[in-house]
Amino acid sequence: MFIIFKKFYTLEPEKQQRIINAALKEFAKNGYERASTNEIIKEADISKGSLFNYFKSKRELYFYLIDYVAEIIEKIYDEIDLSVTDFFERIREVGVIKYNIMKKTPQAFDFINTLGKEESAEVKSDINKKGKSIVENGFARIYENIDFSKFRDDIDLEKTLNIINWTMLSFSEQQRDRLNSFKDIEVEILKEWDDYFDIMKRCFYK
């Protein structure tokens, strides 16, 4: 990525971040088709047309941002304590890590929230491919070194994990739909998660 965006990475870090945040905000607000590069330039306080010295096209900028937020998501998994082997304790730990990172980078998560709703034919197919890869990799990282022996012997483990995964994704979508921005997210969301964890533990653990 460094070679492709060599000119961008020669900028001061503060200027890089201004451009990234301005682009995240504009794409999150208006979607791919309606997003204005002029608005990004204005918000980032850079000279007119300079954006395309760093990115060849609006599409290239858009997918740079997707890779940028994917790296932020990777930081969540990098912070996981693999010595925590209880499934539900691990999920809660991930939730706390994710919450803290969301509070630090709400623009990135506002952008992520729009990806699944993007309908532009120019980008939709590639978004779906990248999104699927991110989700699958995420679950693999979350489940690393988990003690699955705690689950009941009389249930299908794969189907049980599917149920839990679907519940987590549905819960996340429901919470996202309640927010105007991830800067508004509150710690109470973790307490609500605990209620669901308690129910699932009683259903699926020995």
N, C-alpha and C. Protein backbone atom coordinates (compact mmCIF):
# COMPACT_ATOMS: atom_id res chain seq x y z
N MET A 1 0.83 -1.20 0.00
CA MET A 1 0.00 0.00 0.00
C MET A 1 0.87 1.26 0.00
N PHE A 2 2.04 1.18 0.64
CA PHE A 2 2.89 2.35 0.75
C PHE A 2 3.33 2.85 -0.63
N ILE A 3 3.71 1.92 -1.52
CA ILE A 3 4.18 2.30 -2.85
C ILE A 3 3.05 2.94 -3.64
N ILE A 4 1.85 2.37 -3.57
CA ILE A 4 0.71 2.89 -4.32
C ILE A 4 0.39 4.32 -3.90
N PHE A 5 0.45 4.61 -2.60
CA PHE A 5 0.07 5.92 -2.08
C PHE A 5 1.30 6.68 -1.55
N LYS A 6 2.42 6.56 -2.28
CA LYS A 6 3.68 7.13 -1.83
C LYS A 6 3.57 8.62 -1.55
N LYS A 7 2.92 9.37 -2.45
CA LYS A 7 2.80 10.82 -2.26
C LYS A 7 1.99 11.15 -1.00
N PHE A 8 0.94 10.37 -0.77
CA PHE A 8 0.10 10.61 0.42
C PHE A 8 0.91 10.41 1.69
N TYR A 9 1.75 9.39 1.71
CA TYR A 9 2.51 9.08 2.92
C TYR A 9 3.70 10.00 3.15
N THR A 10 3.99 10.87 2.18
CA THR A 10 5.02 11.88 2.41
C THR A 10 4.47 13.08 3.19
N LEU A 11 3.14 13.16 3.31
CA LEU A 11 2.52 14.26 4.04
C LEU A 11 2.76 14.10 5.54
N GLU A 12 2.67 15.21 6.26
CA GLU A 12 2.71 15.15 7.71
C GLU A 12 1.55 14.29 8.23
N PRO A 13 1.78 13.48 9.26
CA PRO A 13 0.71 12.62 9.80
C PRO A 13 -0.58 13.37 10.11
N GLU A 14 -0.46 14.59 10.63
CA GLU A 14 -1.66 15.37 10.97
C GLU A 14 -2.47 15.69 9.72
N LYS A 15 -1.78 16.00 8.62
CA LYS A 15 -2.47 16.31 7.37
C LYS A 15 -3.10 15.06 6.78
N GLN A 16 -2.37 13.95 6.85
CA GLN A 16 -2.94 12.67 6.40
C GLN A 16 -4.25 12.39 7.12
N GLN A 17 -4.22 12.56 8.44
CA GLN A 17 -5.42 12.24 9.24
C GLN A 17 -6.57 13.18 8.92
N ARG A 18 -6.27 14.45 8.66
CA ARG A 18 -7.32 15.40 8.26
C ARG A 18 -8.02 14.95 6.99
N ILE A 19 -7.24 14.51 6.03
CA ILE A 19 -7.80 14.05 4.76
C ILE A 19 -8.62 12.78 4.97
N ILE A 20 -8.08 11.85 5.73
CA ILE A 20 -8.79 10.60 6.01
C ILE A 20 -10.12 10.87 6.71
N ASN A 21 -10.08 11.69 7.76
CA ASN A 21 -11.30 11.98 8.53
C ASN A 21 -12.34 12.71 7.67
N ALA A 22 -11.87 13.64 6.83
CA ALA A 22 -12.79 14.37 5.95
C ALA A 22 -13.45 13.42 4.96
N ALA A 23 -12.67 12.49 4.42
CA ALA A 23 -13.20 11.53 3.45
C ALA A 23 -14.15 10.55 4.12
N LEU A 24 -13.78 10.05 5.30
CA LEU A 24 -14.66 9.15 6.04
C LEU A 24 -16.01 9.82 6.30
N LYS A 25 -15.96 11.07 6.73
CA LYS A 25 -17.18 11.82 7.06
C LYS A 25 -18.06 12.00 5.83
N GLU A 26 -17.45 12.39 4.71
CA GLU A 26 -18.24 12.67 3.50
C GLU A 26 -18.86 11.39 2.92
N PHE A 27 -18.09 10.31 2.85
CA PHE A 27 -18.63 9.05 2.33
C PHE A 27 -19.69 8.48 3.27
N ALA A 28 -19.48 8.61 4.58
CA ALA A 28 -20.47 8.11 5.54
C ALA A 28 -21.77 8.89 5.43
N LYS A 29 -21.67 10.18 5.20
CA LYS A 29 -22.84 11.05 5.13
C LYS A 29 -23.63 10.86 3.84
N ASN A 30 -22.93 10.72 2.72
CA ASN A 30 -23.60 10.77 1.42
C ASN A 30 -23.51 9.51 0.57
N GLY A 31 -22.74 8.51 1.02
CA GLY A 31 -22.57 7.33 0.19
C GLY A 31 -21.61 7.59 -0.95
N TYR A 32 -21.27 6.54 -1.68
CA TYR A 32 -20.23 6.66 -2.70
C TYR A 32 -20.62 7.60 -3.83
N GLU A 33 -21.79 7.42 -4.41
CA GLU A 33 -22.19 8.19 -5.59
C GLU A 33 -22.29 9.68 -5.30
N ARG A 34 -22.91 10.03 -4.17
CA ARG A 34 -23.21 11.43 -3.88
C ARG A 34 -22.09 12.15 -3.14
N ALA A 35 -21.11 11.41 -2.67
CA ALA A 35 -20.00 12.03 -1.96
C ALA A 35 -19.25 12.99 -2.88
N SER A 36 -18.91 14.16 -2.35
CA SER A 36 -18.25 15.20 -3.13
C SER A 36 -16.78 15.31 -2.74
N THR A 37 -15.90 15.13 -3.71
CA THR A 37 -14.48 15.31 -3.42
C THR A 37 -14.18 16.78 -3.09
N ASN A 38 -14.98 17.69 -3.64
CA ASN A 38 -14.81 19.11 -3.30
C ASN A 38 -15.07 19.36 -1.83
N GLU A 39 -16.09 18.65 -1.28
CA GLU A 39 -16.39 18.79 0.14
C GLU A 39 -15.26 18.20 0.99
N ILE A 40 -14.68 17.10 0.52
CA ILE A 40 -13.55 16.50 1.23
C ILE A 40 -12.38 17.46 1.27
N ILE A 41 -12.08 18.07 0.13
CA ILE A 41 -10.98 19.05 0.05
C ILE A 41 -11.23 20.21 1.00
N LYS A 42 -12.48 20.70 1.00
CA LYS A 42 -12.84 21.82 1.86
C LYS A 42 -12.72 21.46 3.34
N GLU A 43 -13.24 20.30 3.71
CA GLU A 43 -13.21 19.86 5.11
C GLU A 43 -11.78 19.61 5.58
N ALA A 44 -10.96 19.07 4.67
CA ALA A 44 -9.58 18.74 5.02
C ALA A 44 -8.66 19.96 4.96
N ASP A 45 -9.19 21.05 4.40
CA ASP A 45 -8.42 22.29 4.28
C ASP A 45 -7.14 22.08 3.47
N ILE A 46 -7.33 21.50 2.27
CA ILE A 46 -6.21 21.33 1.35
C ILE A 46 -6.56 22.04 0.04
N SER A 47 -5.56 22.27 -0.78
CA SER A 47 -5.78 23.03 -2.01
C SER A 47 -6.63 22.24 -2.99
N LYS A 48 -7.41 22.97 -3.80
CA LYS A 48 -8.33 22.35 -4.75
C LYS A 48 -7.56 21.47 -5.74
N GLY A 49 -8.02 20.27 -5.89
CA GLY A 49 -7.40 19.35 -6.83
C GLY A 49 -6.24 18.56 -6.27
N SER A 50 -5.73 18.98 -5.09
CA SER A 50 -4.56 18.29 -4.55
C SER A 50 -4.87 16.85 -4.14
N LEU A 51 -6.14 16.59 -3.83
CA LEU A 51 -6.53 15.23 -3.42
C LEU A 51 -6.11 14.19 -4.45
N PHE A 52 -6.22 14.59 -5.73
CA PHE A 52 -5.92 13.62 -6.80
C PHE A 52 -4.42 13.55 -7.12
N ASN A 53 -3.63 14.29 -6.37
CA ASN A 53 -2.19 14.06 -6.39
C ASN A 53 -1.84 12.86 -5.52
N TYR A 54 -2.74 12.57 -4.58
CA TYR A 54 -2.50 11.48 -3.63
C TYR A 54 -3.27 10.21 -4.00
N PHE A 55 -4.45 10.39 -4.58
CA PHE A 55 -5.30 9.27 -4.98
C PHE A 55 -5.74 9.51 -6.43
N LYS A 56 -5.64 8.50 -7.26
CA LYS A 56 -5.91 8.67 -8.69
C LYS A 56 -7.38 8.96 -8.98
N SER A 57 -8.26 8.49 -8.12
CA SER A 57 -9.69 8.63 -8.38
C SER A 57 -10.47 8.57 -7.07
N LYS A 58 -11.71 8.94 -7.16
CA LYS A 58 -12.62 8.83 -6.02
C LYS A 58 -12.72 7.37 -5.56
N ARG A 59 -12.76 6.45 -6.52
CA ARG A 59 -12.86 5.03 -6.21
C ARG A 59 -11.62 4.55 -5.45
N GLU A 60 -10.45 4.98 -5.89
CA GLU A 60 -9.22 4.58 -5.21
C GLU A 60 -9.20 5.09 -3.78
N LEU A 61 -9.64 6.33 -3.57
CA LEU A 61 -9.74 6.89 -2.22
C LEU A 61 -10.70 6.06 -1.37
N TYR A 62 -11.83 5.71 -1.95
CA TYR A 62 -12.86 4.95 -1.22
C TYR A 62 -12.30 3.61 -0.73
N PHE A 63 -11.59 2.91 -1.60
CA PHE A 63 -11.08 1.60 -1.20
C PHE A 63 -9.85 1.72 -0.30
N TYR A 64 -9.15 2.83 -0.41
CA TYR A 64 -8.10 3.10 0.57
C TYR A 64 -8.73 3.18 1.97
N LEU A 65 -9.85 3.87 2.07
CA LEU A 65 -10.53 4.01 3.36
C LEU A 65 -11.01 2.67 3.89
N ILE A 66 -11.49 1.80 3.00
CA ILE A 66 -11.92 0.47 3.43
C ILE A 66 -10.73 -0.30 4.03
N ASP A 67 -9.57 -0.22 3.37
CA ASP A 67 -8.38 -0.88 3.91
C ASP A 67 -7.95 -0.22 5.22
N TYR A 68 -8.13 1.08 5.30
CA TYR A 68 -7.77 1.82 6.53
C TYR A 68 -8.63 1.35 7.71
N VAL A 69 -9.94 1.23 7.51
CA VAL A 69 -10.80 0.80 8.61
C VAL A 69 -10.60 -0.69 8.92
N ALA A 70 -10.21 -1.46 7.90
CA ALA A 70 -9.92 -2.88 8.14
C ALA A 70 -8.72 -3.01 9.09
N GLU A 71 -7.74 -2.11 8.96
CA GLU A 71 -6.59 -2.13 9.86
C GLU A 71 -6.99 -1.75 11.28
N ILE A 72 -7.95 -0.84 11.40
CA ILE A 72 -8.46 -0.48 12.73
C ILE A 72 -9.13 -1.68 13.38
N ILE A 73 -9.91 -2.41 12.58
CA ILE A 73 -10.58 -3.61 13.10
C ILE A 73 -9.55 -4.65 13.52
N GLU A 74 -8.46 -4.77 12.75
CA GLU A 74 -7.40 -5.71 13.10
C GLU A 74 -6.81 -5.39 14.47
N LYS A 75 -6.76 -4.10 14.82
CA LYS A 75 -6.22 -3.71 16.13
C LYS A 75 -7.06 -4.30 17.26
N ILE A 76 -8.37 -4.44 17.00
CA ILE A 76 -9.25 -5.06 18.01
C ILE A 76 -8.77 -6.47 18.31
N TYR A 77 -8.53 -7.23 17.25
CA TYR A 77 -8.13 -8.63 17.43
C TYR A 77 -6.71 -8.75 17.97
N ASP A 78 -5.86 -7.78 17.64
CA ASP A 78 -4.48 -7.81 18.14
C ASP A 78 -4.43 -7.65 19.66
N GLU A 79 -5.45 -7.01 20.23
CA GLU A 79 -5.47 -6.76 21.68
C GLU A 79 -6.10 -7.89 22.48
N ILE A 80 -6.60 -8.91 21.80
CA ILE A 80 -7.25 -10.03 22.50
C ILE A 80 -6.24 -10.77 23.38
N ASP A 81 -6.65 -11.06 24.60
CA ASP A 81 -5.85 -11.84 25.53
C ASP A 81 -6.16 -13.33 25.30
N LEU A 82 -5.25 -14.02 24.63
CA LEU A 82 -5.50 -15.42 24.27
C LEU A 82 -5.48 -16.36 25.47
N SER A 83 -5.07 -15.85 26.63
CA SER A 83 -5.12 -16.69 27.83
C SER A 83 -6.55 -16.80 28.37
N VAL A 84 -7.45 -15.93 27.89
CA VAL A 84 -8.87 -16.02 28.24
C VAL A 84 -9.51 -17.03 27.31
N THR A 85 -9.79 -18.22 27.83
CA THR A 85 -10.26 -19.31 26.96
C THR A 85 -11.76 -19.55 27.05
N ASP A 86 -12.43 -18.92 28.03
CA ASP A 86 -13.89 -19.06 28.11
C ASP A 86 -14.52 -18.27 26.97
N PHE A 87 -15.42 -18.92 26.24
CA PHE A 87 -15.99 -18.32 25.04
C PHE A 87 -16.66 -16.99 25.33
N PHE A 88 -17.55 -16.94 26.30
CA PHE A 88 -18.32 -15.73 26.54
C PHE A 88 -17.49 -14.63 27.20
N GLU A 89 -16.49 -15.02 27.99
CA GLU A 89 -15.57 -14.02 28.54
C GLU A 89 -14.76 -13.39 27.41
N ARG A 90 -14.38 -14.21 26.42
CA ARG A 90 -13.63 -13.70 25.28
C ARG A 90 -14.47 -12.71 24.47
N ILE A 91 -15.74 -13.08 24.23
CA ILE A 91 -16.61 -12.21 23.46
C ILE A 91 -16.79 -10.87 24.17
N ARG A 92 -16.95 -10.94 25.49
CA ARG A 92 -17.11 -9.69 26.23
C ARG A 92 -15.83 -8.85 26.17
N GLU A 93 -14.69 -9.51 26.27
CA GLU A 93 -13.42 -8.79 26.17
C GLU A 93 -13.31 -8.07 24.83
N VAL A 94 -13.69 -8.77 23.76
CA VAL A 94 -13.67 -8.16 22.42
C VAL A 94 -14.61 -6.95 22.38
N GLY A 95 -15.76 -7.09 23.03
CA GLY A 95 -16.72 -5.99 23.07
C GLY A 95 -16.15 -4.76 23.74
N VAL A 96 -15.42 -4.95 24.85
CA VAL A 96 -14.81 -3.83 25.57
C VAL A 96 -13.73 -3.17 24.71
N ILE A 97 -12.90 -3.99 24.08
CA ILE A 97 -11.85 -3.46 23.20
C ILE A 97 -12.46 -2.67 22.05
N LYS A 98 -13.48 -3.26 21.44
CA LYS A 98 -14.14 -2.61 20.31
C LYS A 98 -14.78 -1.29 20.74
N TYR A 99 -15.42 -1.28 21.90
CA TYR A 99 -16.05 -0.07 22.41
C TYR A 99 -15.01 1.05 22.57
N ASN A 100 -13.87 0.73 23.15
CA ASN A 100 -12.83 1.73 23.38
C ASN A 100 -12.28 2.28 22.06
N ILE A 101 -12.10 1.40 21.08
CA ILE A 101 -11.59 1.85 19.78
C ILE A 101 -12.65 2.66 19.05
N MET A 102 -13.92 2.28 19.18
CA MET A 102 -15.00 3.06 18.57
C MET A 102 -15.02 4.49 19.11
N LYS A 103 -14.83 4.63 20.42
CA LYS A 103 -14.84 5.95 21.03
C LYS A 103 -13.68 6.82 20.53
N LYS A 104 -12.55 6.17 20.20
CA LYS A 104 -11.39 6.91 19.70
C LYS A 104 -11.52 7.25 18.22
N THR A 105 -12.17 6.38 17.45
CA THR A 105 -12.25 6.58 15.99
C THR A 105 -13.69 6.44 15.49
N PRO A 106 -14.60 7.27 15.98
CA PRO A 106 -16.01 7.11 15.57
C PRO A 106 -16.24 7.32 14.07
N GLN A 107 -15.42 8.18 13.43
CA GLN A 107 -15.60 8.42 11.99
C GLN A 107 -15.40 7.13 11.20
N ALA A 108 -14.42 6.32 11.62
CA ALA A 108 -14.15 5.07 10.91
C ALA A 108 -15.34 4.13 11.00
N PHE A 109 -15.98 4.06 12.16
CA PHE A 109 -17.10 3.15 12.34
C PHE A 109 -18.39 3.70 11.71
N ASP A 110 -18.51 5.02 11.63
CA ASP A 110 -19.62 5.60 10.88
C ASP A 110 -19.51 5.20 9.42
N PHE A 111 -18.28 5.21 8.90
CA PHE A 111 -18.03 4.80 7.52
C PHE A 111 -18.34 3.32 7.33
N ILE A 112 -17.84 2.49 8.24
CA ILE A 112 -18.10 1.05 8.16
C ILE A 112 -19.60 0.78 8.12
N ASN A 113 -20.35 1.54 8.90
CA ASN A 113 -21.79 1.34 9.01
C ASN A 113 -22.50 1.54 7.67
N THR A 114 -21.92 2.34 6.78
CA THR A 114 -22.57 2.61 5.49
C THR A 114 -22.22 1.58 4.42
N LEU A 115 -21.19 0.79 4.65
CA LEU A 115 -20.71 -0.11 3.59
C LEU A 115 -21.75 -1.15 3.18
N GLY A 116 -22.43 -1.71 4.17
CA GLY A 116 -23.43 -2.73 3.87
C GLY A 116 -24.66 -2.19 3.17
N LYS A 117 -24.84 -0.87 3.22
CA LYS A 117 -26.00 -0.24 2.59
C LYS A 117 -25.67 0.36 1.23
N GLU A 118 -24.39 0.32 0.85
CA GLU A 118 -23.96 0.95 -0.40
C GLU A 118 -24.50 0.19 -1.62
N GLU A 119 -25.15 0.90 -2.51
CA GLU A 119 -25.78 0.28 -3.67
C GLU A 119 -25.10 0.61 -4.99
N SER A 120 -24.07 1.43 -4.99
CA SER A 120 -23.41 1.81 -6.24
C SER A 120 -22.80 0.58 -6.92
N ALA A 121 -23.16 0.37 -8.18
CA ALA A 121 -22.65 -0.78 -8.93
C ALA A 121 -21.14 -0.70 -9.11
N GLU A 122 -20.60 0.50 -9.04
CA GLU A 122 -19.16 0.69 -9.24
C GLU A 122 -18.34 0.08 -8.11
N VAL A 123 -18.93 -0.03 -6.93
CA VAL A 123 -18.15 -0.48 -5.78
C VAL A 123 -18.79 -1.64 -5.01
N LYS A 124 -20.07 -1.90 -5.21
CA LYS A 124 -20.80 -2.84 -4.35
C LYS A 124 -20.19 -4.24 -4.34
N SER A 125 -19.86 -4.77 -5.50
CA SER A 125 -19.34 -6.13 -5.57
C SER A 125 -18.04 -6.29 -4.78
N ASP A 126 -17.15 -5.33 -4.95
CA ASP A 126 -15.86 -5.40 -4.25
C ASP A 126 -16.04 -5.18 -2.75
N ILE A 127 -17.00 -4.33 -2.37
CA ILE A 127 -17.29 -4.14 -0.95
C ILE A 127 -17.72 -5.45 -0.32
N ASN A 128 -18.63 -6.17 -1.00
CA ASN A 128 -19.14 -7.43 -0.47
C ASN A 128 -18.02 -8.45 -0.27
N LYS A 129 -17.08 -8.50 -1.22
CA LYS A 129 -15.96 -9.44 -1.11
C LYS A 129 -15.08 -9.08 0.08
N LYS A 130 -14.75 -7.80 0.19
CA LYS A 130 -13.89 -7.37 1.29
C LYS A 130 -14.58 -7.56 2.64
N GLY A 131 -15.88 -7.22 2.68
CA GLY A 131 -16.64 -7.35 3.91
C GLY A 131 -16.71 -8.78 4.39
N LYS A 132 -16.95 -9.71 3.48
CA LYS A 132 -17.02 -11.13 3.84
C LYS A 132 -15.70 -11.61 4.41
N SER A 133 -14.61 -11.19 3.80
CA SER A 133 -13.28 -11.58 4.26
C SER A 133 -13.00 -11.04 5.66
N ILE A 134 -13.38 -9.79 5.90
CA ILE A 134 -13.15 -9.17 7.20
C ILE A 134 -13.93 -9.89 8.30
N VAL A 135 -15.22 -10.21 8.02
CA VAL A 135 -16.06 -10.89 9.00
C VAL A 135 -15.53 -12.29 9.31
N GLU A 136 -15.19 -13.05 8.26
CA GLU A 136 -14.71 -14.41 8.46
C GLU A 136 -13.39 -14.43 9.23
N ASN A 137 -12.49 -13.50 8.88
CA ASN A 137 -11.22 -13.42 9.59
C ASN A 137 -11.44 -13.02 11.05
N GLY A 138 -12.42 -12.14 11.27
CA GLY A 138 -12.73 -11.69 12.62
C GLY A 138 -13.17 -12.82 13.51
N PHE A 139 -14.11 -13.63 13.04
CA PHE A 139 -14.58 -14.75 13.85
C PHE A 139 -13.44 -15.75 14.12
N ALA A 140 -12.58 -15.98 13.12
CA ALA A 140 -11.46 -16.90 13.31
C ALA A 140 -10.53 -16.39 14.42
N ARG A 141 -10.28 -15.08 14.43
CA ARG A 141 -9.40 -14.49 15.44
C ARG A 141 -10.06 -14.53 16.82
N ILE A 142 -11.35 -14.26 16.88
CA ILE A 142 -12.07 -14.26 18.16
C ILE A 142 -12.07 -15.65 18.79
N TYR A 143 -12.19 -16.69 17.96
CA TYR A 143 -12.32 -18.05 18.47
C TYR A 143 -10.98 -18.74 18.74
N GLU A 144 -9.89 -18.07 18.46
CA GLU A 144 -8.57 -18.68 18.64
C GLU A 144 -8.34 -19.05 20.11
N ASN A 145 -7.95 -20.32 20.33
CA ASN A 145 -7.58 -20.83 21.66
C ASN A 145 -8.75 -20.90 22.64
N ILE A 146 -9.97 -20.98 22.13
CA ILE A 146 -11.15 -21.08 22.99
C ILE A 146 -11.32 -22.52 23.48
N ASP A 147 -11.76 -22.67 24.72
CA ASP A 147 -12.06 -23.98 25.30
C ASP A 147 -13.52 -24.34 24.98
N PHE A 148 -13.72 -25.08 23.91
CA PHE A 148 -15.07 -25.44 23.49
C PHE A 148 -15.65 -26.61 24.30
N SER A 149 -14.84 -27.20 25.18
CA SER A 149 -15.33 -28.34 25.98
C SER A 149 -16.40 -27.90 26.98
N LYS A 150 -16.54 -26.60 27.20
CA LYS A 150 -17.55 -26.10 28.13
C LYS A 150 -18.96 -26.18 27.55
N PHE A 151 -19.05 -26.32 26.24
CA PHE A 151 -20.37 -26.42 25.61
C PHE A 151 -20.97 -27.80 25.84
N ARG A 152 -22.26 -27.84 25.89
CA ARG A 152 -22.97 -29.11 26.12
C ARG A 152 -22.63 -30.13 25.05
N ASP A 153 -22.56 -31.39 25.47
CA ASP A 153 -22.22 -32.47 24.54
C ASP A 153 -23.39 -32.85 23.63
N ASP A 154 -24.62 -32.49 24.02
CA ASP A 154 -25.78 -32.95 23.26
C ASP A 154 -26.25 -31.91 22.23
N ILE A 155 -25.42 -30.92 21.93
CA ILE A 155 -25.79 -29.94 20.90
C ILE A 155 -24.73 -29.92 19.80
N ASP A 156 -25.15 -29.52 18.62
CA ASP A 156 -24.25 -29.41 17.49
C ASP A 156 -23.45 -28.11 17.65
N LEU A 157 -22.14 -28.23 17.85
CA LEU A 157 -21.32 -27.06 18.14
C LEU A 157 -21.31 -26.07 16.98
N GLU A 158 -21.19 -26.57 15.77
CA GLU A 158 -21.15 -25.67 14.61
C GLU A 158 -22.43 -24.85 14.49
N LYS A 159 -23.57 -25.52 14.65
CA LYS A 159 -24.85 -24.81 14.57
C LYS A 159 -25.01 -23.83 15.74
N THR A 160 -24.52 -24.24 16.91
CA THR A 160 -24.58 -23.36 18.08
C THR A 160 -23.77 -22.08 17.84
N LEU A 161 -22.56 -22.24 17.30
CA LEU A 161 -21.73 -21.07 17.00
C LEU A 161 -22.37 -20.18 15.95
N ASN A 162 -23.05 -20.81 14.98
CA ASN A 162 -23.78 -20.03 13.97
C ASN A 162 -24.87 -19.18 14.63
N ILE A 163 -25.60 -19.80 15.56
CA ILE A 163 -26.66 -19.07 16.27
C ILE A 163 -26.06 -17.87 17.03
N ILE A 164 -24.95 -18.10 17.71
CA ILE A 164 -24.31 -17.03 18.47
C ILE A 164 -23.79 -15.94 17.53
N ASN A 165 -23.16 -16.36 16.42
CA ASN A 165 -22.65 -15.38 15.45
C ASN A 165 -23.78 -14.52 14.89
N TRP A 166 -24.89 -15.17 14.53
CA TRP A 166 -26.04 -14.43 13.98
C TRP A 166 -26.60 -13.46 15.02
N THR A 167 -26.63 -13.92 16.26
CA THR A 167 -27.12 -13.05 17.34
C THR A 167 -26.22 -11.82 17.50
N MET A 168 -24.90 -12.03 17.48
CA MET A 168 -23.96 -10.93 17.62
C MET A 168 -24.10 -9.93 16.46
N LEU A 169 -24.19 -10.46 15.25
CA LEU A 169 -24.30 -9.58 14.08
C LEU A 169 -25.61 -8.80 14.11
N SER A 170 -26.69 -9.49 14.47
CA SER A 170 -28.00 -8.83 14.54
C SER A 170 -28.02 -7.76 15.63
N PHE A 171 -27.44 -8.08 16.78
CA PHE A 171 -27.37 -7.12 17.88
C PHE A 171 -26.58 -5.88 17.46
N SER A 172 -25.45 -6.12 16.79
CA SER A 172 -24.61 -5.01 16.34
C SER A 172 -25.35 -4.12 15.35
N GLU A 173 -26.06 -4.75 14.42
CA GLU A 173 -26.82 -3.98 13.43
C GLU A 173 -27.92 -3.17 14.11
N GLN A 174 -28.58 -3.77 15.08
CA GLN A 174 -29.65 -3.08 15.81
C GLN A 174 -29.10 -1.86 16.55
N GLN A 175 -27.94 -2.02 17.17
CA GLN A 175 -27.34 -0.90 17.90
C GLN A 175 -26.87 0.20 16.95
N ARG A 176 -26.32 -0.20 15.79
CA ARG A 176 -25.87 0.79 14.81
C ARG A 176 -27.03 1.63 14.31
N ASP A 177 -28.18 0.99 14.10
CA ASP A 177 -29.34 1.70 13.57
C ASP A 177 -29.90 2.72 14.55
N ARG A 178 -29.57 2.57 15.83
CA ARG A 178 -30.06 3.50 16.86
C ARG A 178 -29.21 4.77 16.93
N LEU A 179 -28.02 4.74 16.35
CA LEU A 179 -27.07 5.82 16.52
C LEU A 179 -27.03 6.74 15.31
N ASN A 180 -26.89 8.03 15.56
CA ASN A 180 -26.59 8.96 14.47
C ASN A 180 -25.11 8.90 14.13
N SER A 181 -24.29 8.66 15.15
CA SER A 181 -22.85 8.52 14.97
C SER A 181 -22.31 7.66 16.11
N PHE A 182 -21.21 6.97 15.84
CA PHE A 182 -20.61 6.14 16.88
C PHE A 182 -19.97 6.97 17.99
N LYS A 183 -19.85 8.26 17.80
CA LYS A 183 -19.36 9.09 18.90
C LYS A 183 -20.38 9.13 20.04
N ASP A 184 -21.64 8.75 19.73
CA ASP A 184 -22.71 8.76 20.72
C ASP A 184 -22.84 7.44 21.47
N ILE A 185 -22.04 6.45 21.12
CA ILE A 185 -22.18 5.13 21.74
C ILE A 185 -21.86 5.22 23.23
N GLU A 186 -22.64 4.51 24.04
CA GLU A 186 -22.48 4.55 25.50
C GLU A 186 -22.12 3.17 26.03
N VAL A 187 -21.52 3.16 27.21
CA VAL A 187 -21.04 1.92 27.82
C VAL A 187 -22.18 0.98 28.18
N GLU A 188 -23.41 1.50 28.26
CA GLU A 188 -24.57 0.65 28.59
C GLU A 188 -24.75 -0.49 27.60
N ILE A 189 -24.23 -0.31 26.39
CA ILE A 189 -24.35 -1.37 25.38
C ILE A 189 -23.68 -2.65 25.86
N LEU A 190 -22.60 -2.52 26.64
CA LEU A 190 -21.90 -3.69 27.16
C LEU A 190 -22.73 -4.39 28.23
N LYS A 191 -23.46 -3.61 29.00
CA LYS A 191 -24.32 -4.20 30.03
C LYS A 191 -25.46 -4.98 29.39
N GLU A 192 -25.99 -4.45 28.29
CA GLU A 192 -27.06 -5.16 27.58
C GLU A 192 -26.53 -6.47 27.00
N TRP A 193 -25.29 -6.43 26.50
CA TRP A 193 -24.66 -7.65 26.00
C TRP A 193 -24.59 -8.72 27.08
N ASP A 194 -24.26 -8.30 28.30
CA ASP A 194 -24.13 -9.26 29.41
C ASP A 194 -25.42 -10.04 29.63
N ASP A 195 -26.56 -9.38 29.44
CA ASP A 195 -27.85 -10.06 29.60
C ASP A 195 -28.00 -11.17 28.57
N TYR A 196 -27.61 -10.89 27.35
CA TYR A 196 -27.68 -11.92 26.30
C TYR A 196 -26.68 -13.04 26.57
N PHE A 197 -25.47 -12.68 27.03
CA PHE A 197 -24.48 -13.70 27.35
C PHE A 197 -25.00 -14.66 28.41
N ASP A 198 -25.64 -14.12 29.42
CA ASP A 198 -26.16 -14.94 30.52
C ASP A 198 -27.18 -15.94 30.00
N ILE A 199 -28.07 -15.50 29.12
CA ILE A 199 -29.08 -16.39 28.54
C ILE A 199 -28.41 -17.49 27.71
N MET A 200 -27.45 -17.10 26.86
CA MET A 200 -26.81 -18.07 25.97
C MET A 200 -25.95 -19.06 26.76
N LYS A 201 -25.31 -18.60 27.82
CA LYS A 201 -24.53 -19.52 28.64
C LYS A 201 -25.41 -20.58 29.26
N ARG A 202 -26.58 -20.17 29.75
CA ARG A 202 -27.50 -21.14 30.36
C ARG A 202 -28.07 -22.11 29.32
N CYS A 203 -28.15 -21.66 28.07
CA CYS A 203 -28.67 -22.52 27.01
C CYS A 203 -27.62 -23.51 26.49
N PHE A 204 -26.38 -23.03 26.37
CA PHE A 204 -25.39 -23.81 25.62
C PHE A 204 -24.25 -24.42 26.44
N TYR A 205 -24.05 -23.94 27.68
CA TYR A 205 -22.98 -24.52 28.49
C TYR A 205 -23.49 -25.69 29.33
N LYS A 206 -22.56 -26.53 29.74
CA LYS A 206 -22.89 -27.70 30.59
C LYS A 206 -23.34 -27.22 31.97
